[in-house]
C-alpha cells in the first residue's frame, strides 16, 4: 500500500478552500532555513488536511451514510475529524481512551462530535471504533495510516515547493507516519525528506533497521502526539520507495527546541511539532553548506502556560 504525488495533487484540489494555506516564513538570521507554519492550520494541526480529504473523498465515493465518520483518537486526529465533520454537516463519533486529556475531549465535543470513552490505551479505543463502524455502518477514518489521510497531509509539502521552489530538504516529525508518508509522496524525486523521531518513540527508525514495522516502547515528552507504537504501512512503504534521512532527538533536545521556537519566533508549538526543529538545533541533522531547508512546525495544541 502506497500513495503517489497524484494522490496528493487530487487531495490538494479536493480540500482547496476548506483548509488554510499556511505561511512559509524565514526566521531572521537563518538565510537557508524556512518554517512551514502548519501550527496555524484549523484546529492547530496539520491533520485537518487529511480529515477533510478523507471525508470529502468518502462523500465522492458514496461511502458516507447516516452513521457518518468514526475515528479513534484522544488528540489531534479526533479534533481534526470532528472539525471537518462539523464543517461538512457529517455525524462524527470519536472513541478516546479514558486517559485522554479532558481539555482535548471538551474541544472534540465542542465541534459537535459524540465522544465515547473506552479503555485506558489507544489500542482499546481503536478496536471499539472499528467495531462501531462495522456495526453501525460508520466510515472509519484512521488517525494516520490511510491513503486519503496521508495524501491530505502531503498537501503542505506542495505548498512549500510552490512558495520556495529552490527548497532542497523538508524536515518532518514522525509518529505513526501519516505526515511523513504524504510529504514523501509529494516530494519524491524533487526534494530530500528528513524524518525526525524522539529517541523514546522511534517507530520508523526501528522499522528501517528491522526491515518491517515492529512494535516499540513509547514514552517521553512528545508521546501524546508522536506516541504510535508501530509505524504505519504507508510510512514504511514510503521509505522503501525513497529512503529518508532518519534521525533521532532526545527529550531534552525537543524541550529546548520548543522553548527556542517560542522565545525566538513567538511560535506556540507542541512538543511533537518541535521535534523537527530539534533535529537542526541539536545537530542530529546538519545541512550541507548552502542547503535550503524547510522545517514543518506541524501542531500547536499545547498548554501555553508551559512556555517560558
C-alpha atoms as a PDB file:
ATOM      1  CA  UNK A   1       0.000   0.000   0.000  1.00  0.00           C
ATOM      2  CA  UNK A   2       1.496   3.308  -1.070  1.00  0.00           C
ATOM      3  CA  UNK A   3       0.447   6.755  -2.207  1.00  0.00           C
ATOM      4  CA  UNK A   4       1.732   8.877  -5.063  1.00  0.00           C
ATOM      5  CA  UNK A   5       2.102  12.535  -5.854  1.00  0.00           C
ATOM      6  CA  UNK A   6      -1.027  12.216  -7.981  1.00  0.00           C
ATOM      7  CA  UNK A   7      -2.933  11.268  -4.816  1.00  0.00           C
ATOM      8  CA  UNK A   8      -1.555  14.359  -3.094  1.00  0.00           C
ATOM      9  CA  UNK A   9      -2.486  16.622  -6.007  1.00  0.00           C
ATOM     10  CA  UNK A  10      -6.003  15.201  -6.037  1.00  0.00           C
ATOM     11  CA  UNK A  11      -6.230  15.898  -2.306  1.00  0.00           C
ATOM     12  CA  UNK A  12      -4.969  19.449  -2.845  1.00  0.00           C
ATOM     13  CA  UNK A  13      -7.755  20.137  -5.323  1.00  0.00           C
ATOM     14  CA  UNK A  14     -10.356  18.424  -3.157  1.00  0.00           C
ATOM     15  CA  UNK A  15      -9.646  20.352   0.037  1.00  0.00           C
ATOM     16  CA  UNK A  16      -8.983  23.693  -1.622  1.00  0.00           C
ATOM     17  CA  UNK A  17     -10.935  26.380   0.217  1.00  0.00           C
ATOM     18  CA  UNK A  18     -11.501  24.098   3.208  1.00  0.00           C
ATOM     19  CA  UNK A  19      -8.068  24.435   4.812  1.00  0.00           C
ATOM     20  CA  UNK A  20      -5.678  27.316   5.348  1.00  0.00           C
ATOM     21  CA  UNK A  21      -2.677  27.789   3.116  1.00  0.00           C
ATOM     22  CA  UNK A  22      -0.240  28.229   5.957  1.00  0.00           C
ATOM     23  CA  UNK A  23       2.747  30.589   5.596  1.00  0.00           C
ATOM     24  CA  UNK A  24       6.324  29.607   4.855  1.00  0.00           C
ATOM     25  CA  UNK A  25       8.439  32.040   6.856  1.00  0.00           C
ATOM     26  CA  UNK A  26      12.159  32.631   7.008  1.00  0.00           C
ATOM     27  CA  UNK A  27      13.487  33.343  10.507  1.00  0.00           C
ATOM     28  CA  UNK A  28      15.748  36.342  10.932  1.00  0.00           C
ATOM     29  CA  UNK A  29      19.383  35.342  10.702  1.00  0.00           C
ATOM     30  CA  UNK A  30      18.699  31.942   9.079  1.00  0.00           C
ATOM     31  CA  UNK A  31      19.283  32.523   5.366  1.00  0.00           C
ATOM     32  CA  UNK A  32      18.851  28.877   4.383  1.00  0.00           C
ATOM     33  CA  UNK A  33      16.046  27.816   6.752  1.00  0.00           C
ATOM     34  CA  UNK A  34      12.312  28.279   6.387  1.00  0.00           C
ATOM     35  CA  UNK A  35       9.498  27.366   8.791  1.00  0.00           C
ATOM     36  CA  UNK A  36       6.280  25.879   7.419  1.00  0.00           C
ATOM     37  CA  UNK A  37       3.821  27.254   9.960  1.00  0.00           C
ATOM     38  CA  UNK A  38       1.280  24.464   9.953  1.00  0.00           C
ATOM     39  CA  UNK A  39       0.565  25.180  13.607  1.00  0.00           C
ATOM     40  CA  UNK A  40      -1.666  27.944  12.197  1.00  0.00           C
ATOM     41  CA  UNK A  41      -3.904  25.395  10.465  1.00  0.00           C
ATOM     42  CA  UNK A  42      -7.549  24.961  11.539  1.00  0.00           C
ATOM     43  CA  UNK A  43      -7.544  23.035  14.852  1.00  0.00           C
ATOM     44  CA  UNK A  44      -3.884  23.976  15.258  1.00  0.00           C
ATOM     45  CA  UNK A  45      -2.620  20.884  13.464  1.00  0.00           C
ATOM     46  CA  UNK A  46      -1.774  19.508  10.006  1.00  0.00           C
ATOM     47  CA  UNK A  47      -4.238  16.653  10.482  1.00  0.00           C
ATOM     48  CA  UNK A  48      -7.112  18.897   9.417  1.00  0.00           C
ATOM     49  CA  UNK A  49      -5.907  18.473   5.833  1.00  0.00           C
ATOM     50  CA  UNK A  50      -6.218  14.706   5.964  1.00  0.00           C
ATOM     51  CA  UNK A  51      -9.529  14.847   7.797  1.00  0.00           C
ATOM     52  CA  UNK A  52     -11.135  16.946   5.079  1.00  0.00           C
ATOM     53  CA  UNK A  53      -9.649  14.800   2.331  1.00  0.00           C
ATOM     54  CA  UNK A  54     -10.856  11.585   3.983  1.00  0.00           C
ATOM     55  CA  UNK A  55     -14.400  12.829   4.438  1.00  0.00           C
ATOM     56  CA  UNK A  56     -14.729  14.585   1.089  1.00  0.00           C
ATOM     57  CA  UNK A  57     -13.311  11.569  -0.765  1.00  0.00           C
ATOM     58  CA  UNK A  58     -15.730   9.289   1.094  1.00  0.00           C
ATOM     59  CA  UNK A  59     -18.600  11.561   0.071  1.00  0.00           C
ATOM     60  CA  UNK A  60     -17.461  11.430  -3.569  1.00  0.00           C
ATOM     61  CA  UNK A  61     -17.357   7.627  -3.454  1.00  0.00           C
ATOM     62  CA  UNK A  62     -20.754   7.370  -1.787  1.00  0.00           C
ATOM     63  CA  UNK A  63     -19.261   5.727   1.295  1.00  0.00           C
ATOM     64  CA  UNK A  64     -20.789   8.012   3.929  1.00  0.00           C
ATOM     65  CA  UNK A  65     -24.167   7.078   5.316  1.00  0.00           C
ATOM     66  CA  UNK A  66     -26.279   8.364   8.181  1.00  0.00           C
ATOM     67  CA  UNK A  67     -23.809   6.974  10.733  1.00  0.00           C
ATOM     68  CA  UNK A  68     -21.164   9.360   9.388  1.00  0.00           C
ATOM     69  CA  UNK A  69     -17.498   9.072  10.297  1.00  0.00           C
ATOM     70  CA  UNK A  70     -15.824   7.291  13.209  1.00  0.00           C
ATOM     71  CA  UNK A  71     -12.265   7.723  14.466  1.00  0.00           C
ATOM     72  CA  UNK A  72     -10.210   6.615  17.454  1.00  0.00           C
ATOM     73  CA  UNK A  73      -8.109   9.410  18.924  1.00  0.00           C
ATOM     74  CA  UNK A  74      -7.775  11.311  22.139  1.00  0.00           C
ATOM     75  CA  UNK A  75      -5.876  14.080  20.457  1.00  0.00           C
ATOM     76  CA  UNK A  76      -5.220  15.846  17.203  1.00  0.00           C
ATOM     77  CA  UNK A  77      -6.797  13.353  14.800  1.00  0.00           C
ATOM     78  CA  UNK A  78     -10.032  13.407  16.776  1.00  0.00           C
ATOM     79  CA  UNK A  79     -10.056  17.207  16.795  1.00  0.00           C
ATOM     80  CA  UNK A  80      -9.448  17.391  13.061  1.00  0.00           C
ATOM     81  CA  UNK A  81     -12.057  14.802  12.099  1.00  0.00           C
ATOM     82  CA  UNK A  82     -14.635  16.391  14.395  1.00  0.00           C
ATOM     83  CA  UNK A  83     -13.950  19.846  12.938  1.00  0.00           C
ATOM     84  CA  UNK A  84     -14.159  18.652   9.335  1.00  0.00           C
ATOM     85  CA  UNK A  85     -17.375  16.761  10.070  1.00  0.00           C
ATOM     86  CA  UNK A  86     -18.953  19.860  11.565  1.00  0.00           C
ATOM     87  CA  UNK A  87     -17.996  21.938   8.542  1.00  0.00           C
ATOM     88  CA  UNK A  88     -19.368  19.324   6.132  1.00  0.00           C
ATOM     89  CA  UNK A  89     -22.530  18.541   8.112  1.00  0.00           C
ATOM     90  CA  UNK A  90     -21.481  14.957   8.824  1.00  0.00           C
ATOM     91  CA  UNK A  91     -22.093  12.995  12.006  1.00  0.00           C
ATOM     92  CA  UNK A  92     -18.865  12.164  13.832  1.00  0.00           C
ATOM     93  CA  UNK A  93     -18.165   9.697  16.628  1.00  0.00           C
ATOM     94  CA  UNK A  94     -14.770   9.824  18.323  1.00  0.00           C
ATOM     95  CA  UNK A  95     -13.560   6.989  20.552  1.00  0.00           C
ATOM     96  CA  UNK A  96     -10.990   8.018  23.146  1.00  0.00           C
ATOM     97  CA  UNK A  97      -9.277   6.171  25.998  1.00  0.00           C
ATOM     98  CA  UNK A  98     -10.396   7.238  29.457  1.00  0.00           C
ATOM     99  CA  UNK A  99      -6.914   8.687  29.933  1.00  0.00           C
ATOM    100  CA  UNK A 100      -7.384  11.244  27.120  1.00  0.00           C
ATOM    101  CA  UNK A 101      -6.748  14.832  28.275  1.00  0.00           C
ATOM    102  CA  UNK A 102     -10.046  16.401  29.276  1.00  0.00           C
ATOM    103  CA  UNK A 103      -9.180  19.667  27.550  1.00  0.00           C
ATOM    104  CA  UNK A 104      -8.937  17.889  24.203  1.00  0.00           C
ATOM    105  CA  UNK A 105     -12.088  15.865  24.827  1.00  0.00           C
ATOM    106  CA  UNK A 106     -14.016  19.057  25.531  1.00  0.00           C
ATOM    107  CA  UNK A 107     -12.761  20.577  22.277  1.00  0.00           C
ATOM    108  CA  UNK A 108     -13.814  17.497  20.320  1.00  0.00           C
ATOM    109  CA  UNK A 109     -17.279  17.725  21.846  1.00  0.00           C
ATOM    110  CA  UNK A 110     -17.407  21.456  21.144  1.00  0.00           C
ATOM    111  CA  UNK A 111     -17.083  20.663  17.442  1.00  0.00           C
ATOM    112  CA  UNK A 112     -20.269  18.608  17.732  1.00  0.00           C
ATOM    113  CA  UNK A 113     -18.841  15.093  17.761  1.00  0.00           C
ATOM    114  CA  UNK A 114     -20.063  12.358  20.074  1.00  0.00           C
ATOM    115  CA  UNK A 115     -17.255  11.161  22.325  1.00  0.00           C
ATOM    116  CA  UNK A 116     -17.150   7.599  23.650  1.00  0.00           C
ATOM    117  CA  UNK A 117     -14.585   6.685  26.284  1.00  0.00           C
ATOM    118  CA  UNK A 118     -13.276   3.122  26.038  1.00  0.00           C
ATOM    119  CA  UNK A 119     -10.251   1.512  27.701  1.00  0.00           C
ATOM    120  CA  UNK A 120      -7.088   3.031  29.105  1.00  0.00           C
ATOM    121  CA  UNK A 121      -4.963   2.762  25.960  1.00  0.00           C
ATOM    122  CA  UNK A 122      -5.391   3.932  22.386  1.00  0.00           C
ATOM    123  CA  UNK A 123      -5.457   0.331  21.120  1.00  0.00           C
ATOM    124  CA  UNK A 124      -8.656  -0.353  23.051  1.00  0.00           C
ATOM    125  CA  UNK A 125     -10.344   2.771  21.724  1.00  0.00           C
ATOM    126  CA  UNK A 126      -9.193   1.818  18.227  1.00  0.00           C
ATOM    127  CA  UNK A 127     -10.750  -1.646  18.439  1.00  0.00           C
ATOM    128  CA  UNK A 128     -14.005  -0.166  19.724  1.00  0.00           C
ATOM    129  CA  UNK A 129     -14.078   2.385  16.889  1.00  0.00           C
ATOM    130  CA  UNK A 130     -13.570  -0.315  14.257  1.00  0.00           C
ATOM    131  CA  UNK A 131     -16.334  -2.424  15.808  1.00  0.00           C
ATOM    132  CA  UNK A 132     -18.674   0.585  15.908  1.00  0.00           C
ATOM    133  CA  UNK A 133     -18.029   1.258  12.237  1.00  0.00           C
ATOM    134  CA  UNK A 134     -18.812  -2.314  11.292  1.00  0.00           C
ATOM    135  CA  UNK A 135     -21.945  -2.480  13.443  1.00  0.00           C
ATOM    136  CA  UNK A 136     -23.381   0.958  12.690  1.00  0.00           C
ATOM    137  CA  UNK A 137     -22.170   1.435   9.127  1.00  0.00           C
ATOM    138  CA  UNK A 138     -19.967   4.419  10.011  1.00  0.00           C
ATOM    139  CA  UNK A 139     -17.000   5.162   7.749  1.00  0.00           C
ATOM    140  CA  UNK A 140     -13.724   4.604   9.572  1.00  0.00           C
ATOM    141  CA  UNK A 141     -11.081   7.325   9.495  1.00  0.00           C
ATOM    142  CA  UNK A 142      -7.632   6.215  10.604  1.00  0.00           C
ATOM    143  CA  UNK A 143      -5.560   8.661  12.602  1.00  0.00           C
ATOM    144  CA  UNK A 144      -2.625   8.343  10.163  1.00  0.00           C
ATOM    145  CA  UNK A 145      -2.356   5.085   8.184  1.00  0.00           C
ATOM    146  CA  UNK A 146      -4.937   5.643   5.443  1.00  0.00           C
ATOM    147  CA  UNK A 147      -4.291   6.868   1.873  1.00  0.00           C
ATOM    148  CA  UNK A 148      -6.830   9.715   1.990  1.00  0.00           C
ATOM    149  CA  UNK A 149      -5.478  10.917   5.328  1.00  0.00           C
ATOM    150  CA  UNK A 150      -1.801  10.768   4.348  1.00  0.00           C
ATOM    151  CA  UNK A 151      -2.385  12.333   0.927  1.00  0.00           C
ATOM    152  CA  UNK A 152      -4.180  15.223   2.596  1.00  0.00           C
ATOM    153  CA  UNK A 153      -1.241  15.749   4.923  1.00  0.00           C
ATOM    154  CA  UNK A 154       1.118  15.767   1.949  1.00  0.00           C
ATOM    155  CA  UNK A 155      -0.551  18.859   0.512  1.00  0.00           C
ATOM    156  CA  UNK A 156       1.515  21.041   2.844  1.00  0.00           C
ATOM    157  CA  UNK A 157       4.651  19.898   1.007  1.00  0.00           C
ATOM    158  CA  UNK A 158       3.152  21.051  -2.286  1.00  0.00           C
ATOM    159  CA  UNK A 159       2.699  24.476  -0.724  1.00  0.00           C
ATOM    160  CA  UNK A 160       6.315  24.510   0.462  1.00  0.00           C
ATOM    161  CA  UNK A 161       7.748  23.989  -3.022  1.00  0.00           C
ATOM    162  CA  UNK A 162       5.188  26.272  -4.617  1.00  0.00           C
ATOM    163  CA  UNK A 163       6.301  29.083  -2.293  1.00  0.00           C
ATOM    164  CA  UNK A 164      10.044  28.302  -2.461  1.00  0.00           C
ATOM    165  CA  UNK A 165      10.850  26.030  -5.438  1.00  0.00           C
ATOM    166  CA  UNK A 166      14.541  26.011  -4.517  1.00  0.00           C
ATOM    167  CA  UNK A 167      13.985  24.137  -1.224  1.00  0.00           C
ATOM    168  CA  UNK A 168      16.301  21.119  -1.092  1.00  0.00           C
ATOM    169  CA  UNK A 169      15.101  19.420   2.082  1.00  0.00           C
ATOM    170  CA  UNK A 170      11.933  19.211   4.165  1.00  0.00           C
ATOM    171  CA  UNK A 171      12.193  18.155   7.814  1.00  0.00           C
ATOM    172  CA  UNK A 172       9.170  16.470   9.419  1.00  0.00           C
ATOM    173  CA  UNK A 173       8.373  14.830  12.729  1.00  0.00           C
ATOM    174  CA  UNK A 174       7.236  11.197  12.624  1.00  0.00           C
ATOM    175  CA  UNK A 175       4.821   9.399  14.932  1.00  0.00           C
ATOM    176  CA  UNK A 176       2.600   6.925  13.102  1.00  0.00           C
ATOM    177  CA  UNK A 177       3.960   8.334   9.880  1.00  0.00           C
ATOM    178  CA  UNK A 178       0.964   9.786   8.037  1.00  0.00           C
ATOM    179  CA  UNK A 179       2.582  13.196   7.623  1.00  0.00           C
ATOM    180  CA  UNK A 180       5.872  11.656   6.558  1.00  0.00           C
ATOM    181  CA  UNK A 181       4.169   9.361   4.028  1.00  0.00           C
ATOM    182  CA  UNK A 182       2.243  12.245   2.484  1.00  0.00           C
ATOM    183  CA  UNK A 183       5.233  14.586   2.349  1.00  0.00           C
ATOM    184  CA  UNK A 184       7.435  11.833   0.904  1.00  0.00           C
ATOM    185  CA  UNK A 185       4.892  11.152  -1.838  1.00  0.00           C
ATOM    186  CA  UNK A 186       4.657  14.838  -2.717  1.00  0.00           C
ATOM    187  CA  UNK A 187       8.422  15.385  -2.800  1.00  0.00           C
ATOM    188  CA  UNK A 188       9.677  12.087  -4.256  1.00  0.00           C
ATOM    189  CA  UNK A 189      12.395  12.883  -6.755  1.00  0.00           C
ATOM    190  CA  UNK A 190      12.126  16.627  -6.047  1.00  0.00           C
ATOM    191  CA  UNK A 191      13.464  17.184  -2.513  1.00  0.00           C
ATOM    192  CA  UNK A 192      15.025  15.252   0.349  1.00  0.00           C
ATOM    193  CA  UNK A 193      12.941  14.310   3.397  1.00  0.00           C
ATOM    194  CA  UNK A 194      14.415  14.209   6.894  1.00  0.00           C
ATOM    195  CA  UNK A 195      12.272  12.059   9.201  1.00  0.00           C
ATOM    196  CA  UNK A 196      12.701  13.039  12.856  1.00  0.00           C
ATOM    197  CA  UNK A 197      11.612  10.921  15.814  1.00  0.00           C
ATOM    198  CA  UNK A 198      12.102  11.047  19.570  1.00  0.00           C
ATOM    199  CA  UNK A 199      14.658   8.602  20.927  1.00  0.00           C
ATOM    200  CA  UNK A 200      11.844   7.324  23.160  1.00  0.00           C
ATOM    201  CA  UNK A 201       9.400   6.690  20.261  1.00  0.00           C
ATOM    202  CA  UNK A 202      11.485   5.506  17.274  1.00  0.00           C
ATOM    203  CA  UNK A 203       8.863   3.641  15.227  1.00  0.00           C
ATOM    204  CA  UNK A 204      10.172   4.418  11.716  1.00  0.00           C
ATOM    205  CA  UNK A 205      13.818   4.173  12.749  1.00  0.00           C
ATOM    206  CA  UNK A 206      13.310   0.702  14.210  1.00  0.00           C
ATOM    207  CA  UNK A 207      11.242  -0.421  11.236  1.00  0.00           C
ATOM    208  CA  UNK A 208      14.037   0.570   8.877  1.00  0.00           C
ATOM    209  CA  UNK A 209      16.534  -1.379  10.993  1.00  0.00           C
ATOM    210  CA  UNK A 210      14.269  -4.447  11.188  1.00  0.00           C
ATOM    211  CA  UNK A 211      13.132  -4.355   7.578  1.00  0.00           C
ATOM    212  CA  UNK A 212       9.495  -4.333   8.664  1.00  0.00           C
ATOM    213  CA  UNK A 213       7.191  -2.407  11.004  1.00  0.00           C
ATOM    214  CA  UNK A 214       7.731  -3.531  14.611  1.00  0.00           C
ATOM    215  CA  UNK A 215       6.259  -2.566  17.953  1.00  0.00           C
ATOM    216  CA  UNK A 216       8.365  -0.254  20.106  1.00  0.00           C
ATOM    217  CA  UNK A 217       8.136   1.019  23.642  1.00  0.00           C
ATOM    218  CA  UNK A 218       6.873   4.591  23.690  1.00  0.00           C
ATOM    219  CA  UNK A 219       7.372   7.311  26.306  1.00  0.00           C
ATOM    220  CA  UNK A 220       8.710  10.830  26.612  1.00  0.00           C
ATOM    221  CA  UNK A 221       7.517  14.408  26.331  1.00  0.00           C
ATOM    222  CA  UNK A 222       6.156  14.019  22.788  1.00  0.00           C
ATOM    223  CA  UNK A 223       4.269  10.771  23.338  1.00  0.00           C
ATOM    224  CA  UNK A 224       0.883  12.498  23.240  1.00  0.00           C
ATOM    225  CA  UNK A 225       1.325  13.289  19.538  1.00  0.00           C
ATOM    226  CA  UNK A 226       4.214  11.060  18.383  1.00  0.00           C
ATOM    227  CA  UNK A 227       3.291   8.071  20.511  1.00  0.00           C
ATOM    228  CA  UNK A 228       2.283   5.430  17.963  1.00  0.00           C
ATOM    229  CA  UNK A 229       3.732   2.053  18.970  1.00  0.00           C
ATOM    230  CA  UNK A 230       4.217   0.916  15.374  1.00  0.00           C
ATOM    231  CA  UNK A 231       4.824   2.930  12.221  1.00  0.00           C
ATOM    232  CA  UNK A 232       2.047   2.733   9.639  1.00  0.00           C
ATOM    233  CA  UNK A 233       2.245   0.657   6.469  1.00  0.00           C
ATOM    234  CA  UNK A 234       2.094   3.806   4.329  1.00  0.00           C
ATOM    235  CA  UNK A 235       5.144   5.283   6.032  1.00  0.00           C
ATOM    236  CA  UNK A 236       7.056   2.022   5.726  1.00  0.00           C
ATOM    237  CA  UNK A 237       6.217   1.815   2.022  1.00  0.00           C
ATOM    238  CA  UNK A 238       7.328   5.433   1.578  1.00  0.00           C
ATOM    239  CA  UNK A 239      10.794   4.761   2.965  1.00  0.00           C
ATOM    240  CA  UNK A 240      11.087   1.731   0.697  1.00  0.00           C
ATOM    241  CA  UNK A 241      10.242   3.867  -2.347  1.00  0.00           C
ATOM    242  CA  UNK A 242      12.829   6.509  -1.435  1.00  0.00           C
ATOM    243  CA  UNK A 243      14.893   6.332   1.727  1.00  0.00           C
ATOM    244  CA  UNK A 244      14.639   9.353   4.018  1.00  0.00           C
ATOM    245  CA  UNK A 245      17.326  10.665   6.307  1.00  0.00           C
ATOM    246  CA  UNK A 246      16.143   9.118   9.593  1.00  0.00           C
ATOM    247  CA  UNK A 247      17.332  10.853  12.768  1.00  0.00           C
ATOM    248  CA  UNK A 248      16.521  10.701  16.471  1.00  0.00           C
ATOM    249  CA  UNK A 249      16.331  13.517  19.014  1.00  0.00           C
ATOM    250  CA  UNK A 250      16.260  13.389  22.794  1.00  0.00           C
ATOM    251  CA  UNK A 251      13.563  14.754  25.076  1.00  0.00           C
ATOM    252  CA  UNK A 252      15.976  17.478  26.175  1.00  0.00           C
ATOM    253  CA  UNK A 253      16.508  18.431  22.522  1.00  0.00           C
ATOM    254  CA  UNK A 254      12.744  18.629  21.949  1.00  0.00           C
ATOM    255  CA  UNK A 255      12.107  20.727  25.047  1.00  0.00           C
ATOM    256  CA  UNK A 256      14.911  23.109  24.102  1.00  0.00           C
ATOM    257  CA  UNK A 257      13.637  23.449  20.515  1.00  0.00           C
ATOM    258  CA  UNK A 258      10.101  24.147  21.712  1.00  0.00           C
ATOM    259  CA  UNK A 259      11.445  26.874  24.003  1.00  0.00           C
ATOM    260  CA  UNK A 260      13.504  28.387  21.167  1.00  0.00           C
ATOM    261  CA  UNK A 261      10.516  28.436  18.811  1.00  0.00           C
ATOM    262  CA  UNK A 262       8.653  30.458  21.420  1.00  0.00           C
ATOM    263  CA  UNK A 263      11.472  32.681  22.615  1.00  0.00           C
ATOM    264  CA  UNK A 264      12.940  33.492  19.194  1.00  0.00           C
ATOM    265  CA  UNK A 265       9.877  33.429  16.957  1.00  0.00           C
ATOM    266  CA  UNK A 266       6.821  33.512  19.245  1.00  0.00           C
ATOM    267  CA  UNK A 267       5.666  30.214  17.741  1.00  0.00           C
ATOM    268  CA  UNK A 268       3.497  28.116  20.048  1.00  0.00           C
ATOM    269  CA  UNK A 269       4.470  24.524  19.346  1.00  0.00           C
ATOM    270  CA  UNK A 270       3.515  21.254  20.958  1.00  0.00           C
ATOM    271  CA  UNK A 271       6.445  19.025  21.844  1.00  0.00           C
ATOM    272  CA  UNK A 272       5.893  16.660  18.918  1.00  0.00           C
ATOM    273  CA  UNK A 273       5.907  19.553  16.465  1.00  0.00           C
ATOM    274  CA  UNK A 274       9.149  20.889  17.935  1.00  0.00           C
ATOM    275  CA  UNK A 275      10.931  17.604  17.201  1.00  0.00           C
ATOM    276  CA  UNK A 276      11.597  18.642  13.596  1.00  0.00           C
ATOM    277  CA  UNK A 277      13.288  21.871  14.689  1.00  0.00           C
ATOM    278  CA  UNK A 278      15.200  19.962  17.348  1.00  0.00           C
ATOM    279  CA  UNK A 279      16.966  17.977  14.638  1.00  0.00           C
ATOM    280  CA  UNK A 280      18.594  21.173  13.341  1.00  0.00           C
ATOM    281  CA  UNK A 281      19.242  22.882  16.656  1.00  0.00           C
ATOM    282  CA  UNK A 282      20.763  19.786  18.273  1.00  0.00           C
ATOM    283  CA  UNK A 283      22.806  18.795  15.220  1.00  0.00           C
ATOM    284  CA  UNK A 284      21.024  15.497  14.603  1.00  0.00           C
ATOM    285  CA  UNK A 285      20.739  16.735  11.026  1.00  0.00           C
ATOM    286  CA  UNK A 286      23.424  19.065   9.717  1.00  0.00           C
ATOM    287  CA  UNK A 287      22.595  20.657   6.343  1.00  0.00           C
ATOM    288  CA  UNK A 288      25.339  20.943   3.774  1.00  0.00           C
ATOM    289  CA  UNK A 289      26.662  24.436   3.019  1.00  0.00           C
ATOM    290  CA  UNK A 290      24.018  26.293   1.034  1.00  0.00           C
ATOM    291  CA  UNK A 291      21.387  23.586   1.516  1.00  0.00           C
ATOM    292  CA  UNK A 292      17.912  25.127   1.718  1.00  0.00           C
ATOM    293  CA  UNK A 293      15.814  23.526   4.411  1.00  0.00           C
ATOM    294  CA  UNK A 294      12.130  23.810   5.318  1.00  0.00           C
ATOM    295  CA  UNK A 295      11.122  22.697   8.812  1.00  0.00           C
ATOM    296  CA  UNK A 296       7.475  21.745   9.342  1.00  0.00           C
ATOM    297  CA  UNK A 297       6.028  23.041  12.630  1.00  0.00           C
ATOM    298  CA  UNK A 298       3.064  20.719  12.493  1.00  0.00           C
ATOM    299  CA  UNK A 299       0.973  21.454  15.584  1.00  0.00           C
ATOM    300  CA  UNK A 300       0.194  23.939  18.337  1.00  0.00           C
ATOM    301  CA  UNK A 301      -2.108  22.005  20.670  1.00  0.00           C
ATOM    302  CA  UNK A 302      -0.252  22.587  23.898  1.00  0.00           C
ATOM    303  CA  UNK A 303      -0.689  24.434  27.154  1.00  0.00           C
ATOM    304  CA  UNK A 304       0.665  27.980  26.613  1.00  0.00           C
ATOM    305  CA  UNK A 305       1.281  28.250  30.354  1.00  0.00           C
ATOM    306  CA  UNK A 306       4.167  25.779  29.938  1.00  0.00           C
ATOM    307  CA  UNK A 307       6.027  28.077  27.550  1.00  0.00           C
ATOM    308  CA  UNK A 308       8.848  30.078  29.092  1.00  0.00           C
END
